[in-house]
Amino acid sequence: MLKKLALMLGLMASGCSGVQPSADPQPEMDFLSYFEGKVDGWGVMYDWRGRVTDKFHILMDGKITNRDNGDIHLRLDETFSYSDGRTLERYWDVTKKADGTYEAFAPEVPDGVKAVETGDTISFRYTFNAPVGERIIALKMDDRMWMIDENTVMNKNIFKKFGIKVGELNILFRKRNEG
């Protein structure tokens, strides 16, 4: 059962609000620009004890469209390839509002996500409905990303149930320089 939970938690790559930038907030986070196009990520899942439960590669493919109201929309398709040969697909619809705030939606995130970039950081807090066997378990996600350089983003996501940490995910993203 924990292996299934770890699998479903490994599907997250995004998430909402209120983190301080690092001591050196450069370069500034530009979530939409970074995730437009193809981005590779390599991730590790941990259980509540800190033991590695899964490893994976994620390919993200983002496409931006502008809306008449000034909002910018990013469709982010994700393909996960796990070390045991499993694969999984997910998508996120991310909108940067004209006021600079973000909203994001995915099928497993019923209430959506809101976020604001601050310096080199973006953070998301949301509820993720993780299917485990025949059940759905609602987990609270604390999902943070830091821009390391123009091609690299580090992601840390902590999952909680009833306020208790049940797992963690770390991903190193590298933007493909195509063209």
Foldseek 3Di string as FASTA:
>chain_A
DVLLQQVQVVVDDDFAEDDAAPPQLPPFDDPQVQLAAKKKKWKFKAFLVRHTSWIWMKIWHWDWDADPQGKIKIKIKIWIATPVGDIDIWIKIWIQHNVQKIWIDTPQFVVTWIWHTHRQKIWHWGWGFRDDPPHTDTWIKTKMWGDPDSFWIKIKIFIDDPNRTGMIMIMIMGGDDDD
